[in-house]
Amino acid sequence: MFGRKKKLKLVTPFAGTVTGVEDVPDPVFGEKMLGDGFAVVPGEQAGVVEVLAPADGKLVQVFDTAHAFAMKTSTGDVELLVHIGLDTVELGGEGLTALAAPGDEVKAGQPIIRADFPAIRAAGKELVTPVVFTKGKQIDSFEITRGEASANDVVCTAQLT
């Protein structure tokens, strides 16, 4: 298999509308300062949801406020960041519960954080959730399937370097 590059498939962390990270209304994500990737916007009717791991791998960090988690994938050790909503760190963990811990080996689709979207929305926070490749040099290219998606749908295929 000499010369064949690995591919990595990522799933949605929850049901919603998939878009490019450049559409996120926050300069840190929208201008790709943390990396490129995709984002998911839950529907207005979304309640308490489990935010799922986008790939098989190992959790590197689950923030104390449970607003985000970082992981390394099993395929190619690609580093990913899943950030639940915008400015949600300001909630101090309110409406967010960690279901997994740093060091845990996880499977794509495994619940990592429980998020109370109505409570987060009531606190005035946007729920758009970026999933970004934090080390862009690990990715040669990637494709996103934009539009409506169910939780755990494959929506991104990355060609690894």
C-alpha atoms as a PDB file:
ATOM      1  CA  MET A   1       0.000   0.000   0.000  1.00  0.00           C
ATOM      2  CA  PHE A   2       2.942   2.288  -0.595  1.00  0.00           C
ATOM      3  CA  GLY A   3       1.868   5.787  -1.628  1.00  0.00           C
ATOM      4  CA  ARG A   4      -1.734   5.506  -0.370  1.00  0.00           C
ATOM      5  CA  LYS A   5      -2.633   8.178   2.105  1.00  0.00           C
ATOM      6  CA  LYS A   6      -4.865   7.492   5.063  1.00  0.00           C
ATOM      7  CA  LYS A   7      -8.341   8.936   5.261  1.00  0.00           C
ATOM      8  CA  LEU A   8     -10.106  10.007   8.425  1.00  0.00           C
ATOM      9  CA  LYS A   9     -13.886  10.163   8.667  1.00  0.00           C
ATOM     10  CA  LEU A  10     -15.489  12.437  11.260  1.00  0.00           C
ATOM     11  CA  VAL A  11     -19.062  12.273  12.546  1.00  0.00           C
ATOM     12  CA  THR A  12     -21.347  15.017  13.805  1.00  0.00           C
ATOM     13  CA  PRO A  13     -21.247  15.563  17.566  1.00  0.00           C
ATOM     14  CA  PHE A  14     -25.071  15.992  17.562  1.00  0.00           C
ATOM     15  CA  ALA A  15     -27.930  16.568  15.111  1.00  0.00           C
ATOM     16  CA  GLY A  16     -28.060  19.908  13.335  1.00  0.00           C
ATOM     17  CA  THR A  17     -26.987  21.893  10.309  1.00  0.00           C
ATOM     18  CA  VAL A  18     -23.395  21.300   9.191  1.00  0.00           C
ATOM     19  CA  THR A  19     -21.437  24.225   7.781  1.00  0.00           C
ATOM     20  CA  GLY A  20     -17.824  25.260   7.278  1.00  0.00           C
ATOM     21  CA  VAL A  21     -15.938  26.684  10.250  1.00  0.00           C
ATOM     22  CA  GLU A  22     -15.508  29.911   8.265  1.00  0.00           C
ATOM     23  CA  ASP A  23     -19.246  30.523   8.815  1.00  0.00           C
ATOM     24  CA  VAL A  24     -18.893  30.583  12.619  1.00  0.00           C
ATOM     25  CA  PRO A  25     -19.722  34.109  13.886  1.00  0.00           C
ATOM     26  CA  ASP A  26     -16.587  34.353  16.031  1.00  0.00           C
ATOM     27  CA  PRO A  27     -13.219  35.543  14.663  1.00  0.00           C
ATOM     28  CA  VAL A  28     -11.168  32.908  16.520  1.00  0.00           C
ATOM     29  CA  PHE A  29     -13.063  30.146  14.718  1.00  0.00           C
ATOM     30  CA  GLY A  30     -14.366  31.954  11.623  1.00  0.00           C
ATOM     31  CA  GLU A  31     -10.898  33.185  10.684  1.00  0.00           C
ATOM     32  CA  LYS A  32      -9.485  29.713  11.397  1.00  0.00           C
ATOM     33  CA  MET A  33      -7.060  30.913  14.087  1.00  0.00           C
ATOM     34  CA  LEU A  34      -7.383  27.561  15.880  1.00  0.00           C
ATOM     35  CA  GLY A  35      -7.621  25.529  12.680  1.00  0.00           C
ATOM     36  CA  ASP A  36      -9.936  24.585   9.845  1.00  0.00           C
ATOM     37  CA  GLY A  37     -12.860  22.214  10.059  1.00  0.00           C
ATOM     38  CA  PHE A  38     -16.623  22.268  10.272  1.00  0.00           C
ATOM     39  CA  ALA A  39     -19.345  23.420  12.634  1.00  0.00           C
ATOM     40  CA  VAL A  40     -22.767  22.133  13.643  1.00  0.00           C
ATOM     41  CA  VAL A  41     -25.720  24.347  14.586  1.00  0.00           C
ATOM     42  CA  PRO A  42     -28.442  22.545  16.550  1.00  0.00           C
ATOM     43  CA  GLY A  43     -32.078  23.186  15.730  1.00  0.00           C
ATOM     44  CA  GLU A  44     -34.085  25.611  17.855  1.00  0.00           C
ATOM     45  CA  GLN A  45     -35.972  22.659  19.369  1.00  0.00           C
ATOM     46  CA  ALA A  46     -32.787  20.910  20.581  1.00  0.00           C
ATOM     47  CA  GLY A  47     -33.034  19.998  24.253  1.00  0.00           C
ATOM     48  CA  VAL A  48     -30.482  18.287  26.457  1.00  0.00           C
ATOM     49  CA  VAL A  49     -28.101  16.489  24.107  1.00  0.00           C
ATOM     50  CA  GLU A  50     -25.065  14.300  24.401  1.00  0.00           C
ATOM     51  CA  VAL A  51     -22.111  15.746  22.505  1.00  0.00           C
ATOM     52  CA  LEU A  52     -20.375  12.849  20.764  1.00  0.00           C
ATOM     53  CA  ALA A  53     -16.752  12.121  19.900  1.00  0.00           C
ATOM     54  CA  PRO A  54     -16.240  12.867  16.192  1.00  0.00           C
ATOM     55  CA  ALA A  55     -13.748   9.992  15.752  1.00  0.00           C
ATOM     56  CA  ASP A  56     -12.083   7.078  17.508  1.00  0.00           C
ATOM     57  CA  GLY A  57      -9.192   8.224  19.656  1.00  0.00           C
ATOM     58  CA  LYS A  58      -7.986   9.388  23.037  1.00  0.00           C
ATOM     59  CA  LEU A  59      -9.226  12.401  24.983  1.00  0.00           C
ATOM     60  CA  VAL A  60      -6.337  14.762  25.612  1.00  0.00           C
ATOM     61  CA  GLN A  61      -8.359  17.362  27.496  1.00  0.00           C
ATOM     62  CA  VAL A  62     -11.871  17.841  28.808  1.00  0.00           C
ATOM     63  CA  PHE A  63     -12.039  21.410  30.056  1.00  0.00           C
ATOM     64  CA  ASP A  64     -13.095  21.881  33.710  1.00  0.00           C
ATOM     65  CA  THR A  65     -16.058  23.949  32.523  1.00  0.00           C
ATOM     66  CA  ALA A  66     -17.027  21.128  30.090  1.00  0.00           C
ATOM     67  CA  HIS A  67     -17.433  23.683  27.279  1.00  0.00           C
ATOM     68  CA  ALA A  68     -14.905  21.897  25.046  1.00  0.00           C
ATOM     69  CA  PHE A  69     -12.745  18.825  24.636  1.00  0.00           C
ATOM     70  CA  ALA A  70      -9.607  17.985  22.694  1.00  0.00           C
ATOM     71  CA  MET A  71      -8.626  14.586  21.362  1.00  0.00           C
ATOM     72  CA  LYS A  72      -6.104  12.742  19.219  1.00  0.00           C
ATOM     73  CA  THR A  73      -7.610  10.388  16.689  1.00  0.00           C
ATOM     74  CA  SER A  74      -6.639   6.737  16.347  1.00  0.00           C
ATOM     75  CA  THR A  75      -6.069   7.317  12.632  1.00  0.00           C
ATOM     76  CA  GLY A  76      -2.990   9.463  12.131  1.00  0.00           C
ATOM     77  CA  ASP A  77      -2.947  11.045  15.600  1.00  0.00           C
ATOM     78  CA  VAL A  78      -4.889  14.010  14.209  1.00  0.00           C
ATOM     79  CA  GLU A  79      -5.618  16.611  16.895  1.00  0.00           C
ATOM     80  CA  LEU A  80      -9.226  17.816  17.127  1.00  0.00           C
ATOM     81  CA  LEU A  81     -10.998  20.409  19.240  1.00  0.00           C
ATOM     82  CA  VAL A  82     -14.770  20.307  19.782  1.00  0.00           C
ATOM     83  CA  HIS A  83     -15.993  23.606  21.259  1.00  0.00           C
ATOM     84  CA  ILE A  84     -19.629  23.593  22.414  1.00  0.00           C
ATOM     85  CA  GLY A  85     -21.146  26.976  21.613  1.00  0.00           C
ATOM     86  CA  LEU A  86     -19.486  30.370  21.679  1.00  0.00           C
ATOM     87  CA  ASP A  87     -18.242  32.044  24.866  1.00  0.00           C
ATOM     88  CA  THR A  88     -19.648  29.122  26.860  1.00  0.00           C
ATOM     89  CA  VAL A  89     -16.546  29.074  29.073  1.00  0.00           C
ATOM     90  CA  GLU A  90     -18.175  32.104  30.735  1.00  0.00           C
ATOM     91  CA  LEU A  91     -20.923  29.807  32.066  1.00  0.00           C
ATOM     92  CA  GLY A  92     -18.441  28.130  34.414  1.00  0.00           C
ATOM     93  CA  GLY A  93     -19.813  24.702  33.541  1.00  0.00           C
ATOM     94  CA  GLU A  94     -23.477  25.600  34.021  1.00  0.00           C
ATOM     95  CA  GLY A  95     -25.592  23.491  31.657  1.00  0.00           C
ATOM     96  CA  LEU A  96     -22.609  21.267  30.768  1.00  0.00           C
ATOM     97  CA  THR A  97     -21.594  17.930  32.301  1.00  0.00           C
ATOM     98  CA  ALA A  98     -18.490  15.918  31.400  1.00  0.00           C
ATOM     99  CA  LEU A  99     -19.244  12.244  30.737  1.00  0.00           C
ATOM    100  CA  ALA A 100     -15.634  11.253  29.990  1.00  0.00           C
ATOM    101  CA  ALA A 101     -12.194  12.264  31.245  1.00  0.00           C
ATOM    102  CA  PRO A 102      -8.751  13.038  29.821  1.00  0.00           C
ATOM    103  CA  GLY A 103      -6.918   9.841  28.973  1.00  0.00           C
ATOM    104  CA  ASP A 104     -10.090   7.941  28.088  1.00  0.00           C
ATOM    105  CA  GLU A 105     -10.032   5.942  24.866  1.00  0.00           C
ATOM    106  CA  VAL A 106     -13.237   6.779  22.996  1.00  0.00           C
ATOM    107  CA  LYS A 107     -15.101   5.592  19.914  1.00  0.00           C
ATOM    108  CA  ALA A 108     -16.738   7.797  17.300  1.00  0.00           C
ATOM    109  CA  GLY A 109     -20.259   8.503  18.492  1.00  0.00           C
ATOM    110  CA  GLN A 110     -19.454   8.006  22.178  1.00  0.00           C
ATOM    111  CA  PRO A 111     -20.974  10.688  24.469  1.00  0.00           C
ATOM    112  CA  ILE A 112     -18.310  13.014  25.921  1.00  0.00           C
ATOM    113  CA  ILE A 113     -20.328  15.931  27.337  1.00  0.00           C
ATOM    114  CA  ARG A 114     -24.020  16.397  28.156  1.00  0.00           C
ATOM    115  CA  ALA A 115     -25.215  19.876  27.138  1.00  0.00           C
ATOM    116  CA  ASP A 116     -28.459  21.536  28.206  1.00  0.00           C
ATOM    117  CA  PHE A 117     -28.995  23.591  25.062  1.00  0.00           C
ATOM    118  CA  PRO A 118     -32.115  25.431  26.342  1.00  0.00           C
ATOM    119  CA  ALA A 119     -30.213  26.592  29.464  1.00  0.00           C
ATOM    120  CA  ILE A 120     -27.172  27.641  27.413  1.00  0.00           C
ATOM    121  CA  ARG A 121     -29.407  29.487  24.948  1.00  0.00           C
ATOM    122  CA  ALA A 122     -31.264  31.165  27.864  1.00  0.00           C
ATOM    123  CA  ALA A 123     -27.877  32.404  29.142  1.00  0.00           C
ATOM    124  CA  GLY A 124     -27.476  34.243  25.826  1.00  0.00           C
ATOM    125  CA  LYS A 125     -24.873  31.964  24.260  1.00  0.00           C
ATOM    126  CA  GLU A 126     -24.769  30.832  20.632  1.00  0.00           C
ATOM    127  CA  LEU A 127     -24.848  27.055  20.237  1.00  0.00           C
ATOM    128  CA  VAL A 128     -22.834  26.730  17.016  1.00  0.00           C
ATOM    129  CA  THR A 129     -20.224  24.051  17.756  1.00  0.00           C
ATOM    130  CA  PRO A 130     -16.933  24.071  15.813  1.00  0.00           C
ATOM    131  CA  VAL A 131     -14.962  20.871  15.250  1.00  0.00           C
ATOM    132  CA  VAL A 132     -11.474  21.908  14.155  1.00  0.00           C
ATOM    133  CA  PHE A 133      -8.204  20.299  13.126  1.00  0.00           C
ATOM    134  CA  THR A 134      -5.841  22.121  15.492  1.00  0.00           C
ATOM    135  CA  LYS A 135      -2.695  21.003  13.678  1.00  0.00           C
ATOM    136  CA  GLY A 136      -3.429  21.774  10.027  1.00  0.00           C
ATOM    137  CA  LYS A 137      -0.202  20.226   8.784  1.00  0.00           C
ATOM    138  CA  GLN A 138      -1.661  16.820   9.630  1.00  0.00           C
ATOM    139  CA  ILE A 139      -4.379  17.248   6.979  1.00  0.00           C
ATOM    140  CA  ASP A 140      -3.737  17.374   3.253  1.00  0.00           C
ATOM    141  CA  SER A 141      -7.355  18.194   2.374  1.00  0.00           C
ATOM    142  CA  PHE A 142     -10.888  17.509   3.585  1.00  0.00           C
ATOM    143  CA  GLU A 143     -14.455  17.546   2.354  1.00  0.00           C
ATOM    144  CA  ILE A 144     -17.557  18.476   4.339  1.00  0.00           C
ATOM    145  CA  THR A 145     -21.108  17.324   3.672  1.00  0.00           C
ATOM    146  CA  ARG A 146     -23.051  20.510   4.424  1.00  0.00           C
ATOM    147  CA  GLY A 147     -26.696  20.649   5.417  1.00  0.00           C
ATOM    148  CA  GLU A 148     -28.904  18.778   7.860  1.00  0.00           C
ATOM    149  CA  ALA A 149     -27.351  15.796   9.602  1.00  0.00           C
ATOM    150  CA  SER A 150     -28.308  13.412  12.369  1.00  0.00           C
ATOM    151  CA  ALA A 151     -26.072  12.763  15.349  1.00  0.00           C
ATOM    152  CA  ASN A 152     -23.187  10.437  14.464  1.00  0.00           C
ATOM    153  CA  ASP A 153     -23.504  10.948  10.668  1.00  0.00           C
ATOM    154  CA  VAL A 154     -20.205  10.989   8.750  1.00  0.00           C
ATOM    155  CA  VAL A 155     -19.928  14.598   7.525  1.00  0.00           C
ATOM    156  CA  CYS A 156     -16.208  15.128   7.001  1.00  0.00           C
ATOM    157  CA  THR A 157     -13.579  13.053   5.229  1.00  0.00           C
ATOM    158  CA  ALA A 158      -9.972  14.195   5.604  1.00  0.00           C
ATOM    159  CA  GLN A 159      -6.994  13.115   3.532  1.00  0.00           C
ATOM    160  CA  LEU A 160      -4.023  12.852   5.913  1.00  0.00           C
ATOM    161  CA  THR A 161      -0.519  14.016   5.015  1.00  0.00           C
END
